[in-house]
Amino acid sequence: MAFERLEGALTRLAQRDGESGQTLVEYGLIIGLIAVTAIFGIGLMAGGVDSLWGWIGDEVTTAVDGVLS
């Protein structure tokens, strides 16, 4: 009787560990998908941000030249 209870407890514990591993894999896949999406989005925005900073630099240079002249 006690052996059957112990066997049942071990079976439930083993099933719980399997589910924990599955959850961990699912979280890993979600984090990976978010990372790939973020890298792709940053890559798409890189050119626009670069040109924006170039424009800001040109405007600041023009303003400083106007003040110093």
PDB file of N, CA and C in Angstrom:
ATOM      1  N   MET A   1       0.823  -1.191   0.000  1.00  0.00           N
ATOM      2  CA  MET A   1       0.000   0.000   0.000  1.00  0.00           C
ATOM      3  C   MET A   1       0.871   1.260   0.000  1.00  0.00           C
ATOM      4  N   ALA A   2       1.849   1.332   0.878  1.00  0.00           N
ATOM      5  CA  ALA A   2       2.718   2.499   0.950  1.00  0.00           C
ATOM      6  C   ALA A   2       3.547   2.617  -0.325  1.00  0.00           C
ATOM      7  N   PHE A   3       3.953   1.461  -0.863  1.00  0.00           N
ATOM      8  CA  PHE A   3       4.739   1.469  -2.094  1.00  0.00           C
ATOM      9  C   PHE A   3       3.924   2.036  -3.252  1.00  0.00           C
ATOM     10  N   GLU A   4       2.646   1.710  -3.316  1.00  0.00           N
ATOM     11  CA  GLU A   4       1.778   2.217  -4.384  1.00  0.00           C
ATOM     12  C   GLU A   4       1.616   3.736  -4.269  1.00  0.00           C
ATOM     13  N   ARG A   5       1.507   4.227  -3.050  1.00  0.00           N
ATOM     14  CA  ARG A   5       1.379   5.671  -2.853  1.00  0.00           C
ATOM     15  C   ARG A   5       2.659   6.386  -3.264  1.00  0.00           C
ATOM     16  N   LEU A   6       3.806   5.776  -2.904  1.00  0.00           N
ATOM     17  CA  LEU A   6       5.079   6.357  -3.283  1.00  0.00           C
ATOM     18  C   LEU A   6       5.254   6.347  -4.800  1.00  0.00           C
ATOM     19  N   GLU A   7       4.848   5.249  -5.424  1.00  0.00           N
ATOM     20  CA  GLU A   7       4.940   5.155  -6.871  1.00  0.00           C
ATOM     21  C   GLU A   7       4.053   6.206  -7.541  1.00  0.00           C
ATOM     22  N   GLY A   8       2.863   6.409  -7.024  1.00  0.00           N
ATOM     23  CA  GLY A   8       1.966   7.426  -7.571  1.00  0.00           C
ATOM     24  C   GLY A   8       2.530   8.827  -7.409  1.00  0.00           C
ATOM     25  N   ALA A   9       3.140   9.092  -6.249  1.00  0.00           N
ATOM     26  CA  ALA A   9       3.728  10.413  -6.009  1.00  0.00           C
ATOM     27  C   ALA A   9       4.890  10.654  -6.967  1.00  0.00           C
ATOM     28  N   LEU A  10       5.724   9.633  -7.175  1.00  0.00           N
ATOM     29  CA  LEU A  10       6.844   9.778  -8.103  1.00  0.00           C
ATOM     30  C   LEU A  10       6.369   9.967  -9.531  1.00  0.00           C
ATOM     31  N   THR A  11       5.301   9.303  -9.892  1.00  0.00           N
ATOM     32  CA  THR A  11       4.746   9.453 -11.242  1.00  0.00           C
ATOM     33  C   THR A  11       4.247  10.881 -11.448  1.00  0.00           C
ATOM     34  N   ARG A  12       3.531  11.412 -10.454  1.00  0.00           N
ATOM     35  CA  ARG A  12       3.040  12.792 -10.569  1.00  0.00           C
ATOM     36  C   ARG A  12       4.195  13.788 -10.615  1.00  0.00           C
ATOM     37  N   LEU A  13       5.238  13.533  -9.839  1.00  0.00           N
ATOM     38  CA  LEU A  13       6.398  14.409  -9.833  1.00  0.00           C
ATOM     39  C   LEU A  13       7.104  14.377 -11.188  1.00  0.00           C
ATOM     40  N   ALA A  14       7.222  13.211 -11.774  1.00  0.00           N
ATOM     41  CA  ALA A  14       7.860  13.085 -13.082  1.00  0.00           C
ATOM     42  C   ALA A  14       7.046  13.806 -14.147  1.00  0.00           C
ATOM     43  N   GLN A  15       5.733  13.721 -14.073  1.00  0.00           N
ATOM     44  CA  GLN A  15       4.891  14.423 -15.042  1.00  0.00           C
ATOM     45  C   GLN A  15       5.030  15.928 -14.880  1.00  0.00           C
ATOM     46  N   ARG A  16       5.137  16.400 -13.661  1.00  0.00           N
ATOM     47  CA  ARG A  16       5.286  17.831 -13.410  1.00  0.00           C
ATOM     48  C   ARG A  16       6.598  18.333 -13.992  1.00  0.00           C
ATOM     49  N   ASP A  17       7.668  17.572 -13.825  1.00  0.00           N
ATOM     50  CA  ASP A  17       8.963  17.983 -14.376  1.00  0.00           C
ATOM     51  C   ASP A  17       8.908  18.069 -15.887  1.00  0.00           C
ATOM     52  N   GLY A  18       8.207  17.138 -16.533  1.00  0.00           N
ATOM     53  CA  GLY A  18       8.068  17.178 -17.982  1.00  0.00           C
ATOM     54  C   GLY A  18       7.327  18.423 -18.438  1.00  0.00           C
ATOM     55  N   GLU A  19       6.321  18.816 -17.703  1.00  0.00           N
ATOM     56  CA  GLU A  19       5.560  20.017 -18.049  1.00  0.00           C
ATOM     57  C   GLU A  19       6.387  21.269 -17.811  1.00  0.00           C
ATOM     58  N   SER A  20       7.218  21.254 -16.770  1.00  0.00           N
ATOM     59  CA  SER A  20       8.073  22.408 -16.509  1.00  0.00           C
ATOM     60  C   SER A  20       9.064  22.596 -17.651  1.00  0.00           C
ATOM     61  N   GLY A  21       9.604  21.497 -18.149  1.00  0.00           N
ATOM     62  CA  GLY A  21      10.517  21.575 -19.276  1.00  0.00           C
ATOM     63  C   GLY A  21       9.831  22.098 -20.520  1.00  0.00           C
ATOM     64  N   GLN A  22       8.594  21.672 -20.718  1.00  0.00           N
ATOM     65  CA  GLN A  22       7.843  22.136 -21.878  1.00  0.00           C
ATOM     66  C   GLN A  22       7.585  23.638 -21.773  1.00  0.00           C
ATOM     67  N   THR A  23       7.232  24.096 -20.592  1.00  0.00           N
ATOM     68  CA  THR A  23       6.990  25.520 -20.390  1.00  0.00           C
ATOM     69  C   THR A  23       8.264  26.321 -20.631  1.00  0.00           C
ATOM     70  N   LEU A  24       9.389  25.800 -20.163  1.00  0.00           N
ATOM     71  CA  LEU A  24      10.657  26.481 -20.357  1.00  0.00           C
ATOM     72  C   LEU A  24      10.988  26.598 -21.842  1.00  0.00           C
ATOM     73  N   VAL A  25      10.735  25.548 -22.599  1.00  0.00           N
ATOM     74  CA  VAL A  25      10.980  25.580 -24.042  1.00  0.00           C
ATOM     75  C   VAL A  25      10.066  26.592 -24.707  1.00  0.00           C
ATOM     76  N   GLU A  26       8.812  26.639 -24.288  1.00  0.00           N
ATOM     77  CA  GLU A  26       7.872  27.601 -24.878  1.00  0.00           C
ATOM     78  C   GLU A  26       8.315  29.034 -24.604  1.00  0.00           C
ATOM     79  N   TYR A  27       8.741  29.306 -23.373  1.00  0.00           N
ATOM     80  CA  TYR A  27       9.234  30.645 -23.055  1.00  0.00           C
ATOM     81  C   TYR A  27      10.481  30.970 -23.874  1.00  0.00           C
ATOM     82  N   GLY A  28      11.348  30.002 -24.049  1.00  0.00           N
ATOM     83  CA  GLY A  28      12.546  30.208 -24.851  1.00  0.00           C
ATOM     84  C   GLY A  28      12.209  30.549 -26.293  1.00  0.00           C
ATOM     85  N   LEU A  29      11.222  29.853 -26.856  1.00  0.00           N
ATOM     86  CA  LEU A  29      10.805  30.137 -28.228  1.00  0.00           C
ATOM     87  C   LEU A  29      10.204  31.535 -28.353  1.00  0.00           C
ATOM     88  N   ILE A  30       9.417  31.925 -27.373  1.00  0.00           N
ATOM     89  CA  ILE A  30       8.809  33.260 -27.394  1.00  0.00           C
ATOM     90  C   ILE A  30       9.885  34.336 -27.306  1.00  0.00           C
ATOM     91  N   ILE A  31      10.854  34.158 -26.404  1.00  0.00           N
ATOM     92  CA  ILE A  31      11.932  35.137 -26.259  1.00  0.00           C
ATOM     93  C   ILE A  31      12.758  35.201 -27.540  1.00  0.00           C
ATOM     94  N   GLY A  32      13.014  34.048 -28.140  1.00  0.00           N
ATOM     95  CA  GLY A  32      13.757  34.027 -29.405  1.00  0.00           C
ATOM     96  C   GLY A  32      13.027  34.764 -30.507  1.00  0.00           C
ATOM     97  N   LEU A  33      11.710  34.568 -30.595  1.00  0.00           N
ATOM     98  CA  LEU A  33      10.913  35.262 -31.600  1.00  0.00           C
ATOM     99  C   LEU A  33      10.924  36.770 -31.386  1.00  0.00           C
ATOM    100  N   ILE A  34      10.826  37.188 -30.135  1.00  0.00           N
ATOM    101  CA  ILE A  34      10.873  38.623 -29.821  1.00  0.00           C
ATOM    102  C   ILE A  34      12.236  39.195 -30.203  1.00  0.00           C
ATOM    103  N   ALA A  35      13.318  38.460 -29.907  1.00  0.00           N
ATOM    104  CA  ALA A  35      14.663  38.942 -30.238  1.00  0.00           C
ATOM    105  C   ALA A  35      14.845  39.077 -31.742  1.00  0.00           C
ATOM    106  N   VAL A  36      14.403  38.086 -32.504  1.00  0.00           N
ATOM    107  CA  VAL A  36      14.546  38.143 -33.962  1.00  0.00           C
ATOM    108  C   VAL A  36      13.739  39.312 -34.526  1.00  0.00           C
ATOM    109  N   THR A  37      12.544  39.504 -34.023  1.00  0.00           N
ATOM    110  CA  THR A  37      11.697  40.608 -34.475  1.00  0.00           C
ATOM    111  C   THR A  37      12.333  41.957 -34.141  1.00  0.00           C
ATOM    112  N   ALA A  38      12.891  42.082 -32.942  1.00  0.00           N
ATOM    113  CA  ALA A  38      13.527  43.340 -32.551  1.00  0.00           C
ATOM    114  C   ALA A  38      14.741  43.629 -33.424  1.00  0.00           C
ATOM    115  N   ILE A  39      15.556  42.620 -33.688  1.00  0.00           N
ATOM    116  CA  ILE A  39      16.739  42.816 -34.532  1.00  0.00           C
ATOM    117  C   ILE A  39      16.324  43.208 -35.945  1.00  0.00           C
ATOM    118  N   PHE A  40      15.314  42.563 -36.472  1.00  0.00           N
ATOM    119  CA  PHE A  40      14.822  42.892 -37.805  1.00  0.00           C
ATOM    120  C   PHE A  40      14.282  44.325 -37.848  1.00  0.00           C
ATOM    121  N   GLY A  41      13.514  44.712 -36.837  1.00  0.00           N
ATOM    122  CA  GLY A  41      12.958  46.069 -36.785  1.00  0.00           C
ATOM    123  C   GLY A  41      14.030  47.128 -36.658  1.00  0.00           C
ATOM    124  N   ILE A  42      15.030  46.865 -35.837  1.00  0.00           N
ATOM    125  CA  ILE A  42      16.135  47.822 -35.685  1.00  0.00           C
ATOM    126  C   ILE A  42      16.889  47.956 -36.998  1.00  0.00           C
ATOM    127  N   GLY A  43      17.067  46.840 -37.695  1.00  0.00           N
ATOM    128  CA  GLY A  43      17.739  46.890 -38.993  1.00  0.00           C
ATOM    129  C   GLY A  43      16.978  47.731 -40.001  1.00  0.00           C
ATOM    130  N   LEU A  44      15.651  47.632 -39.967  1.00  0.00           N
ATOM    131  CA  LEU A  44      14.844  48.440 -40.891  1.00  0.00           C
ATOM    132  C   LEU A  44      14.912  49.924 -40.556  1.00  0.00           C
ATOM    133  N   MET A  45      14.993  50.257 -39.287  1.00  0.00           N
ATOM    134  CA  MET A  45      14.988  51.655 -38.870  1.00  0.00           C
ATOM    135  C   MET A  45      16.370  52.291 -38.901  1.00  0.00           C
ATOM    136  N   ALA A  46      17.417  51.501 -39.050  1.00  0.00           N
ATOM    137  CA  ALA A  46      18.786  52.025 -38.941  1.00  0.00           C
ATOM    138  C   ALA A  46      19.059  53.128 -39.961  1.00  0.00           C
ATOM    139  N   GLY A  47      18.662  52.948 -41.206  1.00  0.00           N
ATOM    140  CA  GLY A  47      18.912  53.961 -42.231  1.00  0.00           C
ATOM    141  C   GLY A  47      18.203  55.259 -41.936  1.00  0.00           C
ATOM    142  N   GLY A  48      16.966  55.182 -41.500  1.00  0.00           N
ATOM    143  CA  GLY A  48      16.201  56.387 -41.185  1.00  0.00           C
ATOM    144  C   GLY A  48      16.783  57.146 -40.010  1.00  0.00           C
ATOM    145  N   VAL A  49      17.213  56.418 -38.999  1.00  0.00           N
ATOM    146  CA  VAL A  49      17.801  57.066 -37.827  1.00  0.00           C
ATOM    147  C   VAL A  49      19.135  57.704 -38.184  1.00  0.00           C
ATOM    148  N   ASP A  50      19.911  57.020 -39.015  1.00  0.00           N
ATOM    149  CA  ASP A  50      21.203  57.567 -39.442  1.00  0.00           C
ATOM    150  C   ASP A  50      21.012  58.877 -40.197  1.00  0.00           C
ATOM    151  N   SER A  51      20.054  58.907 -41.111  1.00  0.00           N
ATOM    152  CA  SER A  51      19.819  60.145 -41.863  1.00  0.00           C
ATOM    153  C   SER A  51      19.255  61.239 -40.966  1.00  0.00           C
ATOM    154  N   LEU A  52      18.462  60.888 -39.970  1.00  0.00           N
ATOM    155  CA  LEU A  52      17.934  61.877 -39.033  1.00  0.00           C
ATOM    156  C   LEU A  52      19.064  62.534 -38.252  1.00  0.00           C
ATOM    157  N   TRP A  53      20.010  61.714 -37.734  1.00  0.00           N
ATOM    158  CA  TRP A  53      21.136  62.285 -36.998  1.00  0.00           C
ATOM    159  C   TRP A  53      22.021  63.116 -37.914  1.00  0.00           C
ATOM    160  N   GLY A  54      22.164  62.724 -39.164  1.00  0.00           N
ATOM    161  CA  GLY A  54      22.929  63.531 -40.120  1.00  0.00           C
ATOM    162  C   GLY A  54      22.284  64.883 -40.338  1.00  0.00           C
ATOM    163  N   TRP A  55      20.964  64.895 -40.475  1.00  0.00           N
ATOM    164  CA  TRP A  55      20.227  66.154 -40.663  1.00  0.00           C
ATOM    165  C   TRP A  55      20.372  67.045 -39.425  1.00  0.00           C
ATOM    166  N   ILE A  56      20.252  66.451 -38.242  1.00  0.00           N
ATOM    167  CA  ILE A  56      20.399  67.229 -37.005  1.00  0.00           C
ATOM    168  C   ILE A  56      21.796  67.818 -36.921  1.00  0.00           C
ATOM    169  N   GLY A  57      22.826  67.035 -37.269  1.00  0.00           N
ATOM    170  CA  GLY A  57      24.201  67.543 -37.258  1.00  0.00           C
ATOM    171  C   GLY A  57      24.386  68.695 -38.215  1.00  0.00           C
ATOM    172  N   ASP A  58      23.803  68.591 -39.410  1.00  0.00           N
ATOM    173  CA  ASP A  58      23.901  69.681 -40.392  1.00  0.00           C
ATOM    174  C   ASP A  58      23.225  70.942 -39.871  1.00  0.00           C
ATOM    175  N   GLU A  59      22.062  70.807 -39.255  1.00  0.00           N
ATOM    176  CA  GLU A  59      21.334  71.966 -38.731  1.00  0.00           C
ATOM    177  C   GLU A  59      22.105  72.632 -37.600  1.00  0.00           C
ATOM    178  N   VAL A  60      22.705  71.826 -36.727  1.00  0.00           N
ATOM    179  CA  VAL A  60      23.481  72.389 -35.618  1.00  0.00           C
ATOM    180  C   VAL A  60      24.711  73.119 -36.168  1.00  0.00           C
ATOM    181  N   THR A  61      25.373  72.519 -37.144  1.00  0.00           N
ATOM    182  CA  THR A  61      26.543  73.155 -37.758  1.00  0.00           C
ATOM    183  C   THR A  61      26.158  74.479 -38.401  1.00  0.00           C
ATOM    184  N   THR A  62      25.037  74.511 -39.107  1.00  0.00           N
ATOM    185  CA  THR A  62      24.566  75.736 -39.743  1.00  0.00           C
ATOM    186  C   THR A  62      24.239  76.795 -38.701  1.00  0.00           C
ATOM    187  N   ALA A  63      23.599  76.407 -37.609  1.00  0.00           N
ATOM    188  CA  ALA A  63      23.243  77.350 -36.546  1.00  0.00           C
ATOM    189  C   ALA A  63      24.489  77.915 -35.872  1.00  0.00           C
ATOM    190  N   VAL A  64      25.464  77.062 -35.594  1.00  0.00           N
ATOM    191  CA  VAL A  64      26.688  77.523 -34.947  1.00  0.00           C
ATOM    192  C   VAL A  64      27.468  78.440 -35.887  1.00  0.00           C
ATOM    193  N   ASP A  65      27.539  78.099 -37.151  1.00  0.00           N
ATOM    194  CA  ASP A  65      28.228  78.946 -38.124  1.00  0.00           C
ATOM    195  C   ASP A  65      27.537  80.308 -38.230  1.00  0.00           C
ATOM    196  N   GLY A  66      26.206  80.331 -38.147  1.00  0.00           N
ATOM    197  CA  GLY A  66      25.468  81.588 -38.207  1.00  0.00           C
ATOM    198  C   GLY A  66      25.733  82.462 -37.010  1.00  0.00           C
ATOM    199  N   VAL A  67      25.890  81.871 -35.851  1.00  0.00           N
ATOM    200  CA  VAL A  67      26.148  82.641 -34.637  1.00  0.00           C
ATOM    201  C   VAL A  67      27.586  83.160 -34.627  1.00  0.00           C
ATOM    202  N   LEU A  68      28.524  82.358 -35.070  1.00  0.00           N
ATOM    203  CA  LEU A  68      29.932  82.744 -35.037  1.00  0.00           C
ATOM    204  C   LEU A  68      30.316  83.699 -36.164  1.00  0.00           C
ATOM    205  N   SER A  69      29.497  83.815 -37.195  1.00  0.00           N
ATOM    206  CA  SER A  69      29.842  84.680 -38.326  1.00  0.00           C
ATOM    207  C   SER A  69      29.491  86.114 -38.079  1.00  0.00           C
TER     208      SER A  69
END
